[in-house]
Amino acid sequence: MSPLNKRQIYIPEGFAHGFCVLSNGADVLYKCADLYAPEDEYGLLWSDPIIEIDWPVSSPIVSEKDSKSPALDQIAEELLPVYTI
């Protein structure tokens, strides 16, 4: 994605997602499936070794909320989405 190609990405409801900006700045715009409800917001620790993401930065700037999110194995099973094929 870039300002030149103007592409966007669809992330299904309940799907964990994150991004890493490699430029000096970025504008992130998003749509939600429903009205914002803070009590329904959950997070996953961005640096959890279980999910094995090789982030291309050594000293990322991470929000306080994201830095305090639990690791995957610390999230209650009933809070995890169930996907069927």
PDB file of N, CA and C in Angstrom:
ATOM      1  N   MET A   1       0.842  -1.168   0.000  1.00  0.00           N
ATOM      2  CA  MET A   1       0.000   0.000   0.000  1.00  0.00           C
ATOM      3  C   MET A   1       0.892   1.238   0.000  1.00  0.00           C
ATOM      4  N   SER A   2       0.483   2.201  -0.785  1.00  0.00           N
ATOM      5  CA  SER A   2       1.253   3.436  -0.860  1.00  0.00           C
ATOM      6  C   SER A   2       0.344   4.567  -1.323  1.00  0.00           C
ATOM      7  N   PRO A   3       0.792   5.808  -1.172  1.00  0.00           N
ATOM      8  CA  PRO A   3      -0.015   6.919  -1.673  1.00  0.00           C
ATOM      9  C   PRO A   3      -0.148   6.884  -3.195  1.00  0.00           C
ATOM     10  N   LEU A   4       0.779   6.211  -3.845  1.00  0.00           N
ATOM     11  CA  LEU A   4       0.729   6.156  -5.306  1.00  0.00           C
ATOM     12  C   LEU A   4      -0.292   5.153  -5.813  1.00  0.00           C
ATOM     13  N   ASN A   5      -0.333   3.954  -5.213  1.00  0.00           N
ATOM     14  CA  ASN A   5      -1.265   2.952  -5.732  1.00  0.00           C
ATOM     15  C   ASN A   5      -2.648   3.024  -5.080  1.00  0.00           C
ATOM     16  N   LYS A   6      -2.778   3.745  -3.972  1.00  0.00           N
ATOM     17  CA  LYS A   6      -4.067   3.979  -3.286  1.00  0.00           C
ATOM     18  C   LYS A   6      -4.815   2.689  -2.961  1.00  0.00           C
ATOM     19  N   ARG A   7      -4.101   1.628  -2.705  1.00  0.00           N
ATOM     20  CA  ARG A   7      -4.739   0.357  -2.363  1.00  0.00           C
ATOM     21  C   ARG A   7      -5.164   0.340  -0.904  1.00  0.00           C
ATOM     22  N   GLN A   8      -6.077  -0.563  -0.594  1.00  0.00           N
ATOM     23  CA  GLN A   8      -6.535  -0.748   0.766  1.00  0.00           C
ATOM     24  C   GLN A   8      -6.646  -2.230   1.053  1.00  0.00           C
ATOM     25  N   ILE A   9      -6.853  -2.575   2.310  1.00  0.00           N
ATOM     26  CA  ILE A   9      -6.934  -3.982   2.682  1.00  0.00           C
ATOM     27  C   ILE A   9      -8.176  -4.198   3.535  1.00  0.00           C
ATOM     28  N   TYR A  10      -8.852  -5.322   3.326  1.00  0.00           N
ATOM     29  CA  TYR A  10     -10.022  -5.695   4.118  1.00  0.00           C
ATOM     30  C   TYR A  10      -9.574  -6.676   5.190  1.00  0.00           C
ATOM     31  N   ILE A  11      -9.929  -6.389   6.428  1.00  0.00           N
ATOM     32  CA  ILE A  11      -9.622  -7.284   7.543  1.00  0.00           C
ATOM     33  C   ILE A  11     -10.957  -7.695   8.155  1.00  0.00           C
ATOM     34  N   PRO A  12     -11.273  -8.987   8.146  1.00  0.00           N
ATOM     35  CA  PRO A  12     -12.564  -9.444   8.669  1.00  0.00           C
ATOM     36  C   PRO A  12     -12.724  -9.135  10.161  1.00  0.00           C
ATOM     37  N   GLU A  13     -13.970  -8.972  10.574  1.00  0.00           N
ATOM     38  CA  GLU A  13     -14.293  -8.734  11.976  1.00  0.00           C
ATOM     39  C   GLU A  13     -13.698  -9.844  12.844  1.00  0.00           C
ATOM     40  N   GLY A  14     -13.065  -9.470  13.946  1.00  0.00           N
ATOM     41  CA  GLY A  14     -12.489 -10.437  14.876  1.00  0.00           C
ATOM     42  C   GLY A  14     -11.096 -10.906  14.509  1.00  0.00           C
ATOM     43  N   PHE A  15     -10.575 -10.466  13.382  1.00  0.00           N
ATOM     44  CA  PHE A  15      -9.261 -10.915  12.912  1.00  0.00           C
ATOM     45  C   PHE A  15      -8.182  -9.992  13.475  1.00  0.00           C
ATOM     46  N   ALA A  16      -7.198 -10.566  14.149  1.00  0.00           N
ATOM     47  CA  ALA A  16      -6.109  -9.754  14.698  1.00  0.00           C
ATOM     48  C   ALA A  16      -5.350  -9.085  13.555  1.00  0.00           C
ATOM     49  N   HIS A  17      -4.974  -7.838  13.764  1.00  0.00           N
ATOM     50  CA  HIS A  17      -4.258  -7.117  12.720  1.00  0.00           C
ATOM     51  C   HIS A  17      -3.353  -6.051  13.340  1.00  0.00           C
ATOM     52  N   GLY A  18      -2.319  -5.746  12.632  1.00  0.00           N
ATOM     53  CA  GLY A  18      -1.395  -4.704  13.042  1.00  0.00           C
ATOM     54  C   GLY A  18      -0.643  -4.229  11.819  1.00  0.00           C
ATOM     55  N   PHE A  19       0.106  -3.168  11.954  1.00  0.00           N
ATOM     56  CA  PHE A  19       0.855  -2.665  10.819  1.00  0.00           C
ATOM     57  C   PHE A  19       2.146  -2.028  11.300  1.00  0.00           C
ATOM     58  N   CYS A  20       3.085  -1.936  10.414  1.00  0.00           N
ATOM     59  CA  CYS A  20       4.381  -1.336  10.687  1.00  0.00           C
ATOM     60  C   CYS A  20       4.640  -0.296   9.604  1.00  0.00           C
ATOM     61  N   VAL A  21       4.822   0.941  10.014  1.00  0.00           N
ATOM     62  CA  VAL A  21       5.087   2.029   9.065  1.00  0.00           C
ATOM     63  C   VAL A  21       6.592   2.179   8.910  1.00  0.00           C
ATOM     64  N   LEU A  22       7.076   2.061   7.693  1.00  0.00           N
ATOM     65  CA  LEU A  22       8.509   2.174   7.427  1.00  0.00           C
ATOM     66  C   LEU A  22       8.903   3.555   6.916  1.00  0.00           C
ATOM     67  N   SER A  23       7.911   4.398   6.635  1.00  0.00           N
ATOM     68  CA  SER A  23       8.191   5.764   6.191  1.00  0.00           C
ATOM     69  C   SER A  23       8.181   6.687   7.408  1.00  0.00           C
ATOM     70  N   ASN A  24       8.365   7.981   7.175  1.00  0.00           N
ATOM     71  CA  ASN A  24       8.368   8.948   8.280  1.00  0.00           C
ATOM     72  C   ASN A  24       6.993   9.173   8.888  1.00  0.00           C
ATOM     73  N   GLY A  25       5.955   8.761   8.205  1.00  0.00           N
ATOM     74  CA  GLY A  25       4.604   8.945   8.716  1.00  0.00           C
ATOM     75  C   GLY A  25       3.589   8.216   7.876  1.00  0.00           C
ATOM     76  N   ALA A  26       2.379   8.100   8.411  1.00  0.00           N
ATOM     77  CA  ALA A  26       1.304   7.427   7.680  1.00  0.00           C
ATOM     78  C   ALA A  26      -0.043   7.882   8.216  1.00  0.00           C
ATOM     79  N   ASP A  27      -1.035   7.901   7.353  1.00  0.00           N
ATOM     80  CA  ASP A  27      -2.412   8.131   7.760  1.00  0.00           C
ATOM     81  C   ASP A  27      -3.120   6.789   7.680  1.00  0.00           C
ATOM     82  N   VAL A  28      -3.753   6.401   8.770  1.00  0.00           N
ATOM     83  CA  VAL A  28      -4.489   5.139   8.793  1.00  0.00           C
ATOM     84  C   VAL A  28      -5.960   5.467   8.995  1.00  0.00           C
ATOM     85  N   LEU A  29      -6.772   5.054   8.063  1.00  0.00           N
ATOM     86  CA  LEU A  29      -8.209   5.255   8.136  1.00  0.00           C
ATOM     87  C   LEU A  29      -8.867   3.885   8.144  1.00  0.00           C
ATOM     88  N   TYR A  30      -9.898   3.730   8.932  1.00  0.00           N
ATOM     89  CA  TYR A  30     -10.548   2.425   8.973  1.00  0.00           C
ATOM     90  C   TYR A  30     -12.045   2.564   9.181  1.00  0.00           C
ATOM     91  N   LYS A  31     -12.753   1.534   8.772  1.00  0.00           N
ATOM     92  CA  LYS A  31     -14.199   1.442   8.960  1.00  0.00           C
ATOM     93  C   LYS A  31     -14.456   0.298   9.930  1.00  0.00           C
ATOM     94  N   CYS A  32     -15.525   0.402  10.678  1.00  0.00           N
ATOM     95  CA  CYS A  32     -15.885  -0.646  11.636  1.00  0.00           C
ATOM     96  C   CYS A  32     -17.216  -1.269  11.235  1.00  0.00           C
ATOM     97  N   ALA A  33     -17.447  -2.481  11.716  1.00  0.00           N
ATOM     98  CA  ALA A  33     -18.684  -3.188  11.404  1.00  0.00           C
ATOM     99  C   ALA A  33     -19.880  -2.615  12.168  1.00  0.00           C
ATOM    100  N   ASP A  34     -19.605  -1.892  13.263  1.00  0.00           N
ATOM    101  CA  ASP A  34     -20.678  -1.361  14.103  1.00  0.00           C
ATOM    102  C   ASP A  34     -20.155  -0.130  14.821  1.00  0.00           C
ATOM    103  N   LEU A  35     -20.975   0.490  15.641  1.00  0.00           N
ATOM    104  CA  LEU A  35     -20.538   1.636  16.429  1.00  0.00           C
ATOM    105  C   LEU A  35     -19.427   1.210  17.383  1.00  0.00           C
ATOM    106  N   TYR A  36     -18.499   2.097  17.663  1.00  0.00           N
ATOM    107  CA  TYR A  36     -17.378   1.798  18.548  1.00  0.00           C
ATOM    108  C   TYR A  36     -17.883   1.534  19.962  1.00  0.00           C
ATOM    109  N   ALA A  37     -17.449   0.435  20.543  1.00  0.00           N
ATOM    110  CA  ALA A  37     -17.798   0.067  21.918  1.00  0.00           C
ATOM    111  C   ALA A  37     -16.513  -0.373  22.620  1.00  0.00           C
ATOM    112  N   PRO A  38     -15.926   0.477  23.454  1.00  0.00           N
ATOM    113  CA  PRO A  38     -14.646   0.150  24.096  1.00  0.00           C
ATOM    114  C   PRO A  38     -14.646  -1.179  24.835  1.00  0.00           C
ATOM    115  N   GLU A  39     -15.772  -1.560  25.403  1.00  0.00           N
ATOM    116  CA  GLU A  39     -15.838  -2.825  26.147  1.00  0.00           C
ATOM    117  C   GLU A  39     -15.713  -4.047  25.244  1.00  0.00           C
ATOM    118  N   ASP A  40     -15.883  -3.869  23.950  1.00  0.00           N
ATOM    119  CA  ASP A  40     -15.746  -4.964  22.990  1.00  0.00           C
ATOM    120  C   ASP A  40     -14.373  -5.002  22.324  1.00  0.00           C
ATOM    121  N   GLU A  41     -13.489  -4.107  22.730  1.00  0.00           N
ATOM    122  CA  GLU A  41     -12.176  -4.016  22.106  1.00  0.00           C
ATOM    123  C   GLU A  41     -11.179  -4.914  22.854  1.00  0.00           C
ATOM    124  N   TYR A  42     -10.474  -5.723  22.111  1.00  0.00           N
ATOM    125  CA  TYR A  42      -9.464  -6.616  22.670  1.00  0.00           C
ATOM    126  C   TYR A  42      -8.174  -6.446  21.885  1.00  0.00           C
ATOM    127  N   GLY A  43      -7.096  -6.870  22.483  1.00  0.00           N
ATOM    128  CA  GLY A  43      -5.821  -6.761  21.793  1.00  0.00           C
ATOM    129  C   GLY A  43      -4.983  -8.003  21.985  1.00  0.00           C
ATOM    130  N   LEU A  44      -3.934  -8.079  21.210  1.00  0.00           N
ATOM    131  CA  LEU A  44      -2.978  -9.178  21.233  1.00  0.00           C
ATOM    132  C   LEU A  44      -1.596  -8.537  21.253  1.00  0.00           C
ATOM    133  N   LEU A  45      -0.717  -9.019  22.106  1.00  0.00           N
ATOM    134  CA  LEU A  45       0.616  -8.440  22.213  1.00  0.00           C
ATOM    135  C   LEU A  45       1.329  -8.509  20.873  1.00  0.00           C
ATOM    136  N   TRP A  46       1.686  -7.354  20.358  1.00  0.00           N
ATOM    137  CA  TRP A  46       2.280  -7.252  19.023  1.00  0.00           C
ATOM    138  C   TRP A  46       3.571  -8.047  18.898  1.00  0.00           C
ATOM    139  N   SER A  47       4.321  -8.200  19.983  1.00  0.00           N
ATOM    140  CA  SER A  47       5.625  -8.867  19.942  1.00  0.00           C
ATOM    141  C   SER A  47       5.591 -10.293  20.479  1.00  0.00           C
ATOM    142  N   ASP A  48       4.407 -10.874  20.602  1.00  0.00           N
ATOM    143  CA  ASP A  48       4.274 -12.230  21.145  1.00  0.00           C
ATOM    144  C   ASP A  48       5.091 -13.217  20.305  1.00  0.00           C
ATOM    145  N   PRO A  49       6.065 -13.892  20.909  1.00  0.00           N
ATOM    146  CA  PRO A  49       6.898 -14.826  20.137  1.00  0.00           C
ATOM    147  C   PRO A  49       6.118 -16.013  19.570  1.00  0.00           C
ATOM    148  N   ILE A  50       4.963 -16.319  20.135  1.00  0.00           N
ATOM    149  CA  ILE A  50       4.156 -17.441  19.640  1.00  0.00           C
ATOM    150  C   ILE A  50       3.705 -17.206  18.197  1.00  0.00           C
ATOM    151  N   ILE A  51       3.399 -15.951  17.844  1.00  0.00           N
ATOM    152  CA  ILE A  51       2.896 -15.686  16.496  1.00  0.00           C
ATOM    153  C   ILE A  51       4.009 -15.428  15.486  1.00  0.00           C
ATOM    154  N   GLU A  52       5.236 -15.339  15.952  1.00  0.00           N
ATOM    155  CA  GLU A  52       6.438 -15.320  15.105  1.00  0.00           C
ATOM    156  C   GLU A  52       6.408 -14.299  13.967  1.00  0.00           C
ATOM    157  N   ILE A  53       6.089 -13.050  14.292  1.00  0.00           N
ATOM    158  CA  ILE A  53       6.165 -11.999  13.272  1.00  0.00           C
ATOM    159  C   ILE A  53       7.567 -11.403  13.313  1.00  0.00           C
ATOM    160  N   ASP A  54       8.219 -11.383  12.174  1.00  0.00           N
ATOM    161  CA  ASP A  54       9.556 -10.811  12.060  1.00  0.00           C
ATOM    162  C   ASP A  54       9.401  -9.342  11.656  1.00  0.00           C
ATOM    163  N   TRP A  55       9.170  -8.473  12.669  1.00  0.00           N
ATOM    164  CA  TRP A  55       8.965  -7.054  12.400  1.00  0.00           C
ATOM    165  C   TRP A  55      10.261  -6.451  11.861  1.00  0.00           C
ATOM    166  N   PRO A  56      10.174  -5.601  10.844  1.00  0.00           N
ATOM    167  CA  PRO A  56      11.382  -5.053  10.199  1.00  0.00           C
ATOM    168  C   PRO A  56      11.958  -3.814  10.889  1.00  0.00           C
ATOM    169  N   VAL A  57      11.693  -3.637  12.187  1.00  0.00           N
ATOM    170  CA  VAL A  57      12.225  -2.504  12.940  1.00  0.00           C
ATOM    171  C   VAL A  57      12.801  -3.004  14.259  1.00  0.00           C
ATOM    172  N   SER A  58      13.794  -2.300  14.784  1.00  0.00           N
ATOM    173  CA  SER A  58      14.416  -2.733  16.038  1.00  0.00           C
ATOM    174  C   SER A  58      13.889  -1.973  17.249  1.00  0.00           C
ATOM    175  N   SER A  59      13.429  -0.742  17.063  1.00  0.00           N
ATOM    176  CA  SER A  59      12.916   0.073  18.176  1.00  0.00           C
ATOM    177  C   SER A  59      11.582   0.701  17.783  1.00  0.00           C
ATOM    178  N   PRO A  60      10.514  -0.093  17.746  1.00  0.00           N
ATOM    179  CA  PRO A  60       9.230   0.441  17.284  1.00  0.00           C
ATOM    180  C   PRO A  60       8.607   1.409  18.289  1.00  0.00           C
ATOM    181  N   ILE A  61       7.787   2.302  17.774  1.00  0.00           N
ATOM    182  CA  ILE A  61       6.962   3.165  18.622  1.00  0.00           C
ATOM    183  C   ILE A  61       5.617   2.462  18.733  1.00  0.00           C
ATOM    184  N   VAL A  62       5.263   2.060  19.947  1.00  0.00           N
ATOM    185  CA  VAL A  62       4.049   1.279  20.178  1.00  0.00           C
ATOM    186  C   VAL A  62       3.198   2.014  21.219  1.00  0.00           C
ATOM    187  N   SER A  63       1.892   2.061  21.010  1.00  0.00           N
ATOM    188  CA  SER A  63       1.012   2.733  21.964  1.00  0.00           C
ATOM    189  C   SER A  63       1.047   2.006  23.311  1.00  0.00           C
ATOM    190  N   GLU A  64       0.689   2.725  24.361  1.00  0.00           N
ATOM    191  CA  GLU A  64       0.647   2.126  25.701  1.00  0.00           C
ATOM    192  C   GLU A  64      -0.338   0.955  25.724  1.00  0.00           C
ATOM    193  N   LYS A  65      -1.496   1.165  25.089  1.00  0.00           N
ATOM    194  CA  LYS A  65      -2.507   0.103  25.041  1.00  0.00           C
ATOM    195  C   LYS A  65      -1.952  -1.155  24.373  1.00  0.00           C
ATOM    196  N   ASP A  66      -1.299  -0.987  23.228  1.00  0.00           N
ATOM    197  CA  ASP A  66      -0.778  -2.145  22.499  1.00  0.00           C
ATOM    198  C   ASP A  66       0.380  -2.808  23.239  1.00  0.00           C
ATOM    199  N   SER A  67       1.168  -2.030  23.953  1.00  0.00           N
ATOM    200  CA  SER A  67       2.295  -2.623  24.677  1.00  0.00           C
ATOM    201  C   SER A  67       1.840  -3.417  25.897  1.00  0.00           C
ATOM    202  N   LYS A  68       0.595  -3.166  26.355  1.00  0.00           N
ATOM    203  CA  LYS A  68       0.065  -3.880  27.524  1.00  0.00           C
ATOM    204  C   LYS A  68      -0.908  -4.996  27.159  1.00  0.00           C
ATOM    205  N   SER A  69      -1.089  -5.252  25.874  1.00  0.00           N
ATOM    206  CA  SER A  69      -2.001  -6.323  25.453  1.00  0.00           C
ATOM    207  C   SER A  69      -1.425  -7.674  25.859  1.00  0.00           C
ATOM    208  N   PRO A  70      -2.284  -8.665  26.120  1.00  0.00           N
ATOM    209  CA  PRO A  70      -1.797  -9.977  26.537  1.00  0.00           C
ATOM    210  C   PRO A  70      -1.239 -10.806  25.380  1.00  0.00           C
ATOM    211  N   ALA A  71      -0.388 -11.743  25.722  1.00  0.00           N
ATOM    212  CA  ALA A  71       0.108 -12.715  24.745  1.00  0.00           C
ATOM    213  C   ALA A  71      -1.043 -13.657  24.380  1.00  0.00           C
ATOM    214  N   LEU A  72      -0.949 -14.303  23.238  1.00  0.00           N
ATOM    215  CA  LEU A  72      -2.016 -15.185  22.754  1.00  0.00           C
ATOM    216  C   LEU A  72      -2.392 -16.250  23.778  1.00  0.00           C
ATOM    217  N   ASP A  73      -1.403 -16.859  24.432  1.00  0.00           N
ATOM    218  CA  ASP A  73      -1.715 -17.926  25.388  1.00  0.00           C
ATOM    219  C   ASP A  73      -2.283 -17.405  26.710  1.00  0.00           C
ATOM    220  N   GLN A  74      -2.415 -16.094  26.847  1.00  0.00           N
ATOM    221  CA  GLN A  74      -2.997 -15.496  28.042  1.00  0.00           C
ATOM    222  C   GLN A  74      -4.429 -14.995  27.811  1.00  0.00           C
ATOM    223  N   ILE A  75      -4.924 -15.143  26.584  1.00  0.00           N
ATOM    224  CA  ILE A  75      -6.271 -14.682  26.246  1.00  0.00           C
ATOM    225  C   ILE A  75      -7.266 -15.813  26.479  1.00  0.00           C
ATOM    226  N   ALA A  76      -8.337 -15.505  27.198  1.00  0.00           N
ATOM    227  CA  ALA A  76      -9.368 -16.508  27.484  1.00  0.00           C
ATOM    228  C   ALA A  76      -9.940 -17.053  26.177  1.00  0.00           C
ATOM    229  N   GLU A  77     -10.111 -18.360  26.113  1.00  0.00           N
ATOM    230  CA  GLU A  77     -10.581 -19.008  24.880  1.00  0.00           C
ATOM    231  C   GLU A  77     -11.914 -18.451  24.392  1.00  0.00           C
ATOM    232  N   GLU A  78     -12.801 -18.089  25.328  1.00  0.00           N
ATOM    233  CA  GLU A  78     -14.112 -17.577  24.912  1.00  0.00           C
ATOM    234  C   GLU A  78     -14.020 -16.196  24.249  1.00  0.00           C
ATOM    235  N   LEU A  79     -12.883 -15.522  24.368  1.00  0.00           N
ATOM    236  CA  LEU A  79     -12.693 -14.236  23.710  1.00  0.00           C
ATOM    237  C   LEU A  79     -12.104 -14.393  22.304  1.00  0.00           C
ATOM    238  N   LEU A  80     -11.639 -15.574  21.970  1.00  0.00           N
ATOM    239  CA  LEU A  80     -11.046 -15.801  20.643  1.00  0.00           C
ATOM    240  C   LEU A  80     -12.161 -16.079  19.629  1.00  0.00           C
ATOM    241  N   PRO A  81     -12.022 -15.563  18.410  1.00  0.00           N
ATOM    242  CA  PRO A  81     -13.054 -15.812  17.398  1.00  0.00           C
ATOM    243  C   PRO A  81     -13.016 -17.264  16.922  1.00  0.00           C
ATOM    244  N   VAL A  82     -14.162 -17.725  16.466  1.00  0.00           N
ATOM    245  CA  VAL A  82     -14.281 -19.071  15.903  1.00  0.00           C
ATOM    246  C   VAL A  82     -14.604 -18.913  14.423  1.00  0.00           C
ATOM    247  N   TYR A  83     -13.775 -19.502  13.597  1.00  0.00           N
ATOM    248  CA  TYR A  83     -13.998 -19.438  12.144  1.00  0.00           C
ATOM    249  C   TYR A  83     -14.326 -20.819  11.629  1.00  0.00           C
ATOM    250  N   THR A  84     -15.299 -20.882  10.752  1.00  0.00           N
ATOM    251  CA  THR A  84     -15.665 -22.162  10.131  1.00  0.00           C
ATOM    252  C   THR A  84     -15.559 -22.020   8.629  1.00  0.00           C
ATOM    253  N   ILE A  85     -15.296 -23.129   8.004  1.00  0.00           N
ATOM    254  CA  ILE A  85     -15.175 -23.133   6.540  1.00  0.00           C
ATOM    255  C   ILE A  85     -16.441 -23.668   5.930  1.00  0.00           C
TER     256      ILE A  85
END
